[in-house]
Structure formats: C-alpha cells, structure tokens
Amino acid sequence: MSFHSASVAIVHLALLGIGVWLIVIDARTHRLPNRIVLPTLGALVLLVLIEAIATGAADRMLRSLLGALALGAFYAVMHLASKQGMGGGDVKLAAVIGLVLAWHGWQTLVLGAAAAFLLGALYALVLMLLRRADRSTRIAFGPWMIIGAALAIALTRYTGLW
C-alpha cells in the first residue's frame, strides 16, 4: 500500500467517525454544530491542497473545490427558498460532502447528492405510512446526506459497481 493510499484510507476512516458523530447529533437535536463542520471543511481543504502539491493532481483539487462550491450553493438556494426546509448546518455540511464526493469524481458527487434526497424521502414516507409524521414534521436531513455520501463512495470507489 502506497503512502497516498494509506493517507486516503485514514482520511476516510476519520470522516466516517465524524459522520457518525454528526448523524447522532443531528438526529437528536436537528443541529449540525459549526464547531465540528467548519473545522472539518477547513482540514479537508488543506488536505486537498497538500495532496495537489504532493501529487501534482491539480485537476482533482480544482474538482474538489468546485464540488464543495456547487453542492454548498445548491443547498444555500434551498435554504433561502424555504424557511422550514434546509438549515444553515445542512448548507455547510453540503460543502464538506461536495468537496469529498467531487474528490472521487463528478459521478460520485451526483450519486451522493441524489442518494441523500432519495433516502430522506423514503424515510419520510415510511414515517408517514406509520402515522409517526405528517407533512409538517421536521426531519433531520444531515444523516441522509452523510449516509448518501458514504454509499456513493462505496459504490464508486470500493465496489466497482458504478
């Protein structure tokens, strides 16, 4: 295993830990704390820059930064369009997820973003069918963003199915 591969594995394990932490927090409180999300974003930007310098993969760095900007902007538009919809924490988490998914490729970004909405919608439908929620029930979306991103990475990077 090369140094780069080991580094990628370590970063993914760290992100998995942070993701689980954020899932628990958001499910309980409907908040994605800045004290976790913003340092994660900063550290990831720094890692992507270091990787670009070390490997000469400036194209991957640019794609990652554009992915963070694109997914963050998409969520920001949804946040501004609906006071009861996406929260500010979701917007910041979208930048983190966009950066990570785009690092893997545009296909991974699109798959992860779509998976979040599909999983969140399925969860909401199940709750409504069980009469545990209605159209006005607030549902934490951060967990679905994180799970969708993890599934997209697994499908595109580790299984070769996509």
N, C-alpha and C. Protein backbone atom coordinates (compact mmCIF):
# COMPACT_ATOMS: atom_id res chain seq x y z
N MET A 1 0.86 -1.18 0.00
CA MET A 1 0.00 0.00 0.00
C MET A 1 0.90 1.24 0.00
N SER A 2 0.63 2.14 -0.91
CA SER A 2 1.43 3.35 -1.01
C SER A 2 1.06 4.33 0.10
N PHE A 3 1.94 5.31 0.30
CA PHE A 3 1.67 6.34 1.30
C PHE A 3 0.37 7.07 0.98
N HIS A 4 0.15 7.35 -0.30
CA HIS A 4 -1.07 8.05 -0.71
C HIS A 4 -2.31 7.21 -0.39
N SER A 5 -2.27 5.92 -0.71
CA SER A 5 -3.42 5.05 -0.43
C SER A 5 -3.69 4.95 1.06
N ALA A 6 -2.63 4.85 1.85
CA ALA A 6 -2.80 4.79 3.31
C ALA A 6 -3.39 6.09 3.83
N SER A 7 -2.94 7.21 3.28
CA SER A 7 -3.47 8.51 3.70
C SER A 7 -4.96 8.64 3.37
N VAL A 8 -5.32 8.20 2.18
CA VAL A 8 -6.73 8.25 1.77
C VAL A 8 -7.58 7.38 2.70
N ALA A 9 -7.08 6.19 3.04
CA ALA A 9 -7.83 5.30 3.94
C ALA A 9 -7.99 5.93 5.32
N ILE A 10 -6.94 6.55 5.83
CA ILE A 10 -7.01 7.20 7.15
C ILE A 10 -8.00 8.35 7.14
N VAL A 11 -7.97 9.16 6.09
CA VAL A 11 -8.91 10.29 5.99
C VAL A 11 -10.34 9.77 5.91
N HIS A 12 -10.58 8.71 5.14
CA HIS A 12 -11.93 8.15 5.05
C HIS A 12 -12.40 7.61 6.40
N LEU A 13 -11.52 6.97 7.14
CA LEU A 13 -11.90 6.48 8.47
C LEU A 13 -12.22 7.63 9.42
N ALA A 14 -11.42 8.69 9.35
CA ALA A 14 -11.69 9.87 10.18
C ALA A 14 -13.02 10.49 9.81
N LEU A 15 -13.29 10.59 8.50
CA LEU A 15 -14.57 11.15 8.06
C LEU A 15 -15.74 10.27 8.47
N LEU A 16 -15.53 8.97 8.47
CA LEU A 16 -16.58 8.06 8.93
C LEU A 16 -16.91 8.34 10.40
N GLY A 17 -15.88 8.51 11.21
CA GLY A 17 -16.10 8.83 12.63
C GLY A 17 -16.82 10.15 12.82
N ILE A 18 -16.39 11.17 12.10
CA ILE A 18 -17.05 12.48 12.18
C ILE A 18 -18.48 12.37 11.68
N GLY A 19 -18.68 11.61 10.61
CA GLY A 19 -20.03 11.43 10.06
C GLY A 19 -20.97 10.78 11.05
N VAL A 20 -20.52 9.73 11.72
CA VAL A 20 -21.36 9.06 12.72
C VAL A 20 -21.68 10.02 13.85
N TRP A 21 -20.69 10.79 14.28
CA TRP A 21 -20.88 11.78 15.34
C TRP A 21 -21.96 12.79 14.93
N LEU A 22 -21.86 13.30 13.71
CA LEU A 22 -22.84 14.28 13.22
C LEU A 22 -24.23 13.67 13.04
N ILE A 23 -24.30 12.42 12.62
CA ILE A 23 -25.60 11.75 12.48
C ILE A 23 -26.30 11.71 13.83
N VAL A 24 -25.57 11.30 14.87
CA VAL A 24 -26.16 11.20 16.20
C VAL A 24 -26.62 12.58 16.68
N ILE A 25 -25.77 13.58 16.52
CA ILE A 25 -26.12 14.93 16.98
C ILE A 25 -27.33 15.47 16.24
N ASP A 26 -27.32 15.35 14.90
CA ASP A 26 -28.42 15.92 14.10
C ASP A 26 -29.73 15.18 14.36
N ALA A 27 -29.67 13.86 14.50
CA ALA A 27 -30.89 13.09 14.77
C ALA A 27 -31.50 13.49 16.12
N ARG A 28 -30.66 13.79 17.09
CA ARG A 28 -31.16 14.16 18.42
C ARG A 28 -31.58 15.62 18.54
N THR A 29 -30.83 16.52 17.90
CA THR A 29 -31.02 17.96 18.14
C THR A 29 -31.45 18.77 16.93
N HIS A 30 -31.41 18.18 15.75
CA HIS A 30 -31.68 18.89 14.48
C HIS A 30 -30.68 20.03 14.30
N ARG A 31 -29.45 19.79 14.69
CA ARG A 31 -28.37 20.77 14.53
C ARG A 31 -27.11 20.07 14.04
N LEU A 32 -26.38 20.77 13.21
CA LEU A 32 -25.06 20.33 12.77
C LEU A 32 -24.09 21.42 13.24
N PRO A 33 -23.42 21.19 14.36
CA PRO A 33 -22.63 22.25 15.01
C PRO A 33 -21.47 22.77 14.15
N ASN A 34 -21.36 24.10 14.11
CA ASN A 34 -20.24 24.74 13.41
C ASN A 34 -18.90 24.28 13.96
N ARG A 35 -18.83 24.01 15.25
CA ARG A 35 -17.57 23.62 15.87
C ARG A 35 -17.06 22.28 15.36
N ILE A 36 -17.92 21.52 14.69
CA ILE A 36 -17.50 20.26 14.08
C ILE A 36 -17.39 20.42 12.56
N VAL A 37 -18.41 20.99 11.95
CA VAL A 37 -18.48 21.05 10.49
C VAL A 37 -17.42 21.98 9.89
N LEU A 38 -17.25 23.17 10.44
CA LEU A 38 -16.31 24.12 9.85
C LEU A 38 -14.84 23.69 9.95
N PRO A 39 -14.39 23.17 11.12
CA PRO A 39 -13.01 22.66 11.14
C PRO A 39 -12.80 21.47 10.20
N THR A 40 -13.82 20.66 10.04
CA THR A 40 -13.73 19.53 9.11
C THR A 40 -13.55 20.06 7.69
N LEU A 41 -14.32 21.06 7.32
CA LEU A 41 -14.18 21.65 5.99
C LEU A 41 -12.80 22.26 5.81
N GLY A 42 -12.34 23.01 6.79
CA GLY A 42 -11.02 23.62 6.70
C GLY A 42 -9.91 22.58 6.57
N ALA A 43 -9.98 21.52 7.37
CA ALA A 43 -8.97 20.47 7.31
C ALA A 43 -8.99 19.77 5.95
N LEU A 44 -10.18 19.55 5.41
CA LEU A 44 -10.28 18.87 4.11
C LEU A 44 -9.73 19.74 2.99
N VAL A 45 -10.01 21.04 3.03
CA VAL A 45 -9.46 21.94 2.01
C VAL A 45 -7.93 21.90 2.08
N LEU A 46 -7.40 21.97 3.29
CA LEU A 46 -5.95 21.91 3.47
C LEU A 46 -5.38 20.59 2.94
N LEU A 47 -6.04 19.48 3.24
CA LEU A 47 -5.57 18.17 2.76
C LEU A 47 -5.61 18.08 1.24
N VAL A 48 -6.64 18.62 0.63
CA VAL A 48 -6.75 18.60 -0.83
C VAL A 48 -5.63 19.45 -1.45
N LEU A 49 -5.33 20.59 -0.83
CA LEU A 49 -4.23 21.43 -1.33
C LEU A 49 -2.89 20.73 -1.18
N ILE A 50 -2.67 20.10 -0.04
CA ILE A 50 -1.41 19.37 0.19
C ILE A 50 -1.29 18.22 -0.80
N GLU A 51 -2.39 17.51 -1.02
CA GLU A 51 -2.35 16.40 -1.97
C GLU A 51 -2.01 16.90 -3.37
N ALA A 52 -2.58 18.04 -3.76
CA ALA A 52 -2.31 18.58 -5.10
C ALA A 52 -0.84 18.94 -5.25
N ILE A 53 -0.26 19.50 -4.21
CA ILE A 53 1.16 19.85 -4.26
C ILE A 53 2.02 18.59 -4.29
N ALA A 54 1.67 17.60 -3.46
CA ALA A 54 2.47 16.38 -3.36
C ALA A 54 2.37 15.49 -4.59
N THR A 55 1.20 15.43 -5.20
CA THR A 55 1.00 14.50 -6.32
C THR A 55 0.94 15.19 -7.67
N GLY A 56 0.80 16.50 -7.67
CA GLY A 56 0.65 17.22 -8.93
C GLY A 56 -0.75 17.08 -9.52
N ALA A 57 -1.70 16.61 -8.72
CA ALA A 57 -3.07 16.40 -9.19
C ALA A 57 -3.91 17.65 -8.97
N ALA A 58 -3.54 18.71 -9.66
CA ALA A 58 -4.27 19.97 -9.53
C ALA A 58 -5.69 19.85 -10.05
N ASP A 59 -5.91 18.96 -11.01
CA ASP A 59 -7.26 18.78 -11.55
C ASP A 59 -8.20 18.23 -10.48
N ARG A 60 -7.72 17.31 -9.65
CA ARG A 60 -8.55 16.75 -8.58
C ARG A 60 -8.84 17.83 -7.53
N MET A 61 -7.84 18.66 -7.23
CA MET A 61 -8.04 19.74 -6.27
C MET A 61 -9.11 20.71 -6.78
N LEU A 62 -9.01 21.10 -8.03
CA LEU A 62 -9.98 22.03 -8.61
C LEU A 62 -11.37 21.42 -8.61
N ARG A 63 -11.48 20.15 -9.00
CA ARG A 63 -12.77 19.46 -9.00
C ARG A 63 -13.35 19.41 -7.58
N SER A 64 -12.52 19.13 -6.59
CA SER A 64 -12.98 19.07 -5.20
C SER A 64 -13.52 20.41 -4.74
N LEU A 65 -12.77 21.46 -5.01
CA LEU A 65 -13.20 22.80 -4.58
C LEU A 65 -14.48 23.22 -5.31
N LEU A 66 -14.56 22.90 -6.59
CA LEU A 66 -15.78 23.22 -7.35
C LEU A 66 -16.97 22.39 -6.84
N GLY A 67 -16.72 21.14 -6.46
CA GLY A 67 -17.78 20.30 -5.90
C GLY A 67 -18.31 20.87 -4.60
N ALA A 68 -17.40 21.35 -3.74
CA ALA A 68 -17.82 21.97 -2.48
C ALA A 68 -18.66 23.20 -2.75
N LEU A 69 -18.20 24.01 -3.67
CA LEU A 69 -18.93 25.23 -4.03
C LEU A 69 -20.28 24.91 -4.64
N ALA A 70 -20.32 23.95 -5.56
CA ALA A 70 -21.57 23.62 -6.26
C ALA A 70 -22.61 23.04 -5.31
N LEU A 71 -22.23 22.04 -4.51
CA LEU A 71 -23.23 21.44 -3.62
C LEU A 71 -23.61 22.41 -2.51
N GLY A 72 -22.64 23.15 -1.99
CA GLY A 72 -22.94 24.17 -0.98
C GLY A 72 -23.90 25.23 -1.52
N ALA A 73 -23.68 25.67 -2.75
CA ALA A 73 -24.55 26.68 -3.35
C ALA A 73 -25.95 26.13 -3.59
N PHE A 74 -26.04 24.88 -4.03
CA PHE A 74 -27.34 24.24 -4.25
C PHE A 74 -28.14 24.21 -2.95
N TYR A 75 -27.51 23.80 -1.87
CA TYR A 75 -28.18 23.77 -0.58
C TYR A 75 -28.48 25.17 -0.06
N ALA A 76 -27.62 26.12 -0.35
CA ALA A 76 -27.87 27.51 0.07
C ALA A 76 -29.12 28.05 -0.61
N VAL A 77 -29.31 27.74 -1.88
CA VAL A 77 -30.51 28.16 -2.59
C VAL A 77 -31.75 27.54 -1.95
N MET A 78 -31.67 26.25 -1.61
CA MET A 78 -32.81 25.61 -0.94
C MET A 78 -33.06 26.22 0.43
N HIS A 79 -32.00 26.55 1.14
CA HIS A 79 -32.12 27.18 2.45
C HIS A 79 -32.81 28.54 2.34
N LEU A 80 -32.42 29.32 1.37
CA LEU A 80 -33.01 30.65 1.18
C LEU A 80 -34.44 30.58 0.66
N ALA A 81 -34.75 29.54 -0.10
CA ALA A 81 -36.08 29.41 -0.70
C ALA A 81 -37.14 28.97 0.30
N SER A 82 -36.73 28.34 1.40
CA SER A 82 -37.70 27.81 2.34
C SER A 82 -37.20 28.00 3.76
N LYS A 83 -37.96 28.71 4.54
CA LYS A 83 -37.59 28.93 5.94
C LYS A 83 -37.70 27.65 6.76
N GLN A 84 -38.57 26.73 6.38
CA GLN A 84 -38.76 25.49 7.13
C GLN A 84 -37.97 24.32 6.54
N GLY A 85 -37.23 24.56 5.45
CA GLY A 85 -36.52 23.48 4.78
C GLY A 85 -35.12 23.27 5.33
N MET A 86 -34.16 23.33 4.46
CA MET A 86 -32.76 23.11 4.83
C MET A 86 -32.29 24.17 5.82
N GLY A 87 -31.50 23.72 6.78
CA GLY A 87 -30.92 24.64 7.75
C GLY A 87 -29.53 25.07 7.31
N GLY A 88 -28.99 26.03 8.02
CA GLY A 88 -27.65 26.51 7.72
C GLY A 88 -26.59 25.44 7.91
N GLY A 89 -26.79 24.55 8.87
CA GLY A 89 -25.86 23.46 9.08
C GLY A 89 -25.82 22.51 7.89
N ASP A 90 -26.99 22.29 7.28
CA ASP A 90 -27.06 21.44 6.08
C ASP A 90 -26.25 22.07 4.95
N VAL A 91 -26.31 23.39 4.84
CA VAL A 91 -25.58 24.09 3.78
C VAL A 91 -24.08 23.89 3.97
N LYS A 92 -23.61 24.07 5.20
CA LYS A 92 -22.17 23.90 5.48
C LYS A 92 -21.73 22.45 5.31
N LEU A 93 -22.57 21.52 5.76
CA LEU A 93 -22.26 20.11 5.58
C LEU A 93 -22.24 19.76 4.09
N ALA A 94 -23.10 20.38 3.30
CA ALA A 94 -23.11 20.13 1.86
C ALA A 94 -21.78 20.51 1.23
N ALA A 95 -21.16 21.59 1.71
CA ALA A 95 -19.84 21.97 1.18
C ALA A 95 -18.81 20.90 1.51
N VAL A 96 -18.85 20.38 2.73
CA VAL A 96 -17.93 19.30 3.13
C VAL A 96 -18.15 18.08 2.24
N ILE A 97 -19.39 17.68 2.12
CA ILE A 97 -19.71 16.48 1.34
C ILE A 97 -19.40 16.70 -0.14
N GLY A 98 -19.70 17.88 -0.66
CA GLY A 98 -19.38 18.18 -2.05
C GLY A 98 -17.90 18.09 -2.33
N LEU A 99 -17.07 18.57 -1.40
CA LEU A 99 -15.63 18.50 -1.56
C LEU A 99 -15.16 17.05 -1.60
N VAL A 100 -15.63 16.25 -0.67
CA VAL A 100 -15.20 14.85 -0.58
C VAL A 100 -15.70 14.05 -1.79
N LEU A 101 -16.97 14.20 -2.12
CA LEU A 101 -17.51 13.43 -3.24
C LEU A 101 -16.87 13.83 -4.57
N ALA A 102 -16.67 15.11 -4.79
CA ALA A 102 -16.05 15.55 -6.04
C ALA A 102 -14.59 15.11 -6.12
N TRP A 103 -13.92 14.95 -4.98
CA TRP A 103 -12.55 14.43 -4.99
C TRP A 103 -12.54 13.06 -5.66
N HIS A 104 -13.59 12.28 -5.42
CA HIS A 104 -13.71 10.96 -6.03
C HIS A 104 -14.14 11.05 -7.49
N GLY A 105 -14.85 12.11 -7.86
CA GLY A 105 -15.28 12.30 -9.24
C GLY A 105 -16.67 12.91 -9.30
N TRP A 106 -16.99 13.47 -10.46
CA TRP A 106 -18.29 14.10 -10.64
C TRP A 106 -19.42 13.09 -10.50
N GLN A 107 -19.20 11.88 -10.99
CA GLN A 107 -20.22 10.85 -10.90
C GLN A 107 -20.54 10.53 -9.44
N THR A 108 -19.52 10.48 -8.61
CA THR A 108 -19.72 10.21 -7.19
C THR A 108 -20.49 11.36 -6.54
N LEU A 109 -20.18 12.58 -6.94
CA LEU A 109 -20.89 13.75 -6.39
C LEU A 109 -22.37 13.69 -6.72
N VAL A 110 -22.69 13.43 -7.96
CA VAL A 110 -24.09 13.38 -8.38
C VAL A 110 -24.82 12.23 -7.69
N LEU A 111 -24.19 11.08 -7.62
CA LEU A 111 -24.80 9.92 -6.97
C LEU A 111 -25.04 10.18 -5.48
N GLY A 112 -24.05 10.75 -4.80
CA GLY A 112 -24.19 11.03 -3.37
C GLY A 112 -25.25 12.07 -3.07
N ALA A 113 -25.29 13.11 -3.89
CA ALA A 113 -26.30 14.16 -3.69
C ALA A 113 -27.71 13.60 -3.92
N ALA A 114 -27.87 12.81 -4.97
CA ALA A 114 -29.19 12.23 -5.26
C ALA A 114 -29.59 11.22 -4.20
N ALA A 115 -28.63 10.43 -3.73
CA ALA A 115 -28.93 9.41 -2.72
C ALA A 115 -29.46 10.04 -1.44
N ALA A 116 -28.93 11.19 -1.06
CA ALA A 116 -29.39 11.87 0.16
C ALA A 116 -30.89 12.18 0.07
N PHE A 117 -31.30 12.72 -1.06
CA PHE A 117 -32.71 13.07 -1.23
C PHE A 117 -33.60 11.83 -1.33
N LEU A 118 -33.12 10.82 -2.01
CA LEU A 118 -33.89 9.58 -2.12
C LEU A 118 -34.05 8.92 -0.75
N LEU A 119 -32.98 8.80 -0.01
CA LEU A 119 -33.04 8.17 1.31
C LEU A 119 -33.91 8.98 2.28
N GLY A 120 -33.74 10.31 2.26
CA GLY A 120 -34.56 11.17 3.12
C GLY A 120 -36.04 11.07 2.79
N ALA A 121 -36.35 11.02 1.50
CA ALA A 121 -37.75 10.90 1.09
C ALA A 121 -38.34 9.55 1.49
N LEU A 122 -37.58 8.49 1.30
CA LEU A 122 -38.06 7.16 1.71
C LEU A 122 -38.32 7.10 3.21
N TYR A 123 -37.40 7.68 3.99
CA TYR A 123 -37.58 7.70 5.44
C TYR A 123 -38.85 8.47 5.81
N ALA A 124 -39.05 9.62 5.19
CA ALA A 124 -40.24 10.43 5.47
C ALA A 124 -41.52 9.67 5.08
N LEU A 125 -41.50 9.01 3.95
CA LEU A 125 -42.67 8.24 3.52
C LEU A 125 -42.99 7.11 4.50
N VAL A 126 -41.97 6.42 4.97
CA VAL A 126 -42.19 5.34 5.93
C VAL A 126 -42.80 5.90 7.21
N LEU A 127 -42.26 7.02 7.70
CA LEU A 127 -42.82 7.65 8.89
C LEU A 127 -44.28 8.05 8.68
N MET A 128 -44.59 8.57 7.51
CA MET A 128 -45.96 8.98 7.22
C MET A 128 -46.88 7.76 7.11
N LEU A 129 -46.41 6.69 6.50
CA LEU A 129 -47.22 5.48 6.41
C LEU A 129 -47.49 4.88 7.79
N LEU A 130 -46.53 5.01 8.68
CA LEU A 130 -46.69 4.51 10.05
C LEU A 130 -47.42 5.51 10.95
N ARG A 131 -47.82 6.63 10.36
CA ARG A 131 -48.51 7.71 11.07
C ARG A 131 -47.69 8.27 12.24
N ARG A 132 -46.38 8.28 12.05
CA ARG A 132 -45.49 8.86 13.05
C ARG A 132 -45.04 10.25 12.62
N ALA A 133 -45.49 10.69 11.44
CA ALA A 133 -45.13 12.00 10.92
C ALA A 133 -46.20 12.45 9.94
N ASP A 134 -46.24 13.77 9.74
CA ASP A 134 -47.10 14.32 8.69
C ASP A 134 -46.26 15.32 7.89
N ARG A 135 -46.91 16.06 7.01
CA ARG A 135 -46.18 16.97 6.13
C ARG A 135 -45.45 18.08 6.87
N SER A 136 -45.86 18.37 8.10
CA SER A 136 -45.22 19.46 8.85
C SER A 136 -44.14 18.96 9.81
N THR A 137 -43.92 17.66 9.89
CA THR A 137 -42.91 17.11 10.80
C THR A 137 -41.51 17.45 10.31
N ARG A 138 -40.69 17.96 11.22
CA ARG A 138 -39.29 18.27 10.90
C ARG A 138 -38.48 16.98 10.96
N ILE A 139 -37.71 16.75 9.93
CA ILE A 139 -36.86 15.57 9.86
C ILE A 139 -35.42 16.03 9.64
N ALA A 140 -34.50 15.54 10.46
CA ALA A 140 -33.09 15.87 10.29
C ALA A 140 -32.61 15.32 8.95
N PHE A 141 -31.98 16.18 8.15
CA PHE A 141 -31.54 15.75 6.82
C PHE A 141 -30.05 15.41 6.79
N GLY A 142 -29.29 15.91 7.75
CA GLY A 142 -27.86 15.62 7.79
C GLY A 142 -27.54 14.14 7.75
N PRO A 143 -28.25 13.30 8.52
CA PRO A 143 -27.94 11.87 8.44
C PRO A 143 -28.07 11.30 7.04
N TRP A 144 -29.06 11.74 6.30
CA TRP A 144 -29.26 11.22 4.95
C TRP A 144 -28.20 11.74 4.00
N MET A 145 -27.73 12.96 4.24
CA MET A 145 -26.63 13.49 3.43
C MET A 145 -25.37 12.65 3.64
N ILE A 146 -25.09 12.34 4.89
CA ILE A 146 -23.88 11.58 5.22
C ILE A 146 -23.98 10.14 4.72
N ILE A 147 -25.11 9.51 4.96
CA ILE A 147 -25.29 8.12 4.51
C ILE A 147 -25.26 8.05 2.98
N GLY A 148 -25.91 9.00 2.32
CA GLY A 148 -25.88 9.03 0.86
C GLY A 148 -24.46 9.20 0.32
N ALA A 149 -23.68 10.05 0.97
CA ALA A 149 -22.29 10.25 0.55
C ALA A 149 -21.47 8.98 0.75
N ALA A 150 -21.65 8.34 1.90
CA ALA A 150 -20.90 7.10 2.18
C ALA A 150 -21.25 6.01 1.17
N LEU A 151 -22.53 5.89 0.86
CA LEU A 151 -22.95 4.89 -0.12
C LEU A 151 -22.37 5.20 -1.51
N ALA A 152 -22.36 6.46 -1.88
CA ALA A 152 -21.83 6.84 -3.20
C ALA A 152 -20.34 6.52 -3.28
N ILE A 153 -19.60 6.81 -2.22
CA ILE A 153 -18.17 6.50 -2.22
C ILE A 153 -17.97 4.99 -2.29
N ALA A 154 -18.73 4.25 -1.50
CA ALA A 154 -18.60 2.79 -1.51
C ALA A 154 -18.92 2.22 -2.90
N LEU A 155 -19.97 2.71 -3.51
CA LEU A 155 -20.37 2.19 -4.82
C LEU A 155 -19.37 2.53 -5.92
N THR A 156 -18.85 3.75 -5.88
CA THR A 156 -17.98 4.19 -6.97
C THR A 156 -16.52 3.85 -6.76
N ARG A 157 -16.07 3.80 -5.53
CA ARG A 157 -14.64 3.59 -5.28
C ARG A 157 -14.30 2.17 -4.89
N TYR A 158 -15.06 1.61 -4.01
CA TYR A 158 -14.65 0.35 -3.40
C TYR A 158 -15.31 -0.89 -3.99
N THR A 159 -16.45 -0.76 -4.62
CA THR A 159 -17.10 -1.95 -5.16
C THR A 159 -16.90 -2.09 -6.67
N GLY A 160 -16.68 -0.98 -7.33
CA GLY A 160 -16.54 -1.04 -8.77
C GLY A 160 -17.86 -1.29 -9.49
N LEU A 161 -18.98 -1.22 -8.76
CA LEU A 161 -20.27 -1.47 -9.38
C LEU A 161 -20.72 -0.31 -10.27
N TRP A 162 -20.19 0.85 -10.04
CA TRP A 162 -20.68 2.01 -10.79
C TRP A 162 -19.62 2.51 -11.72
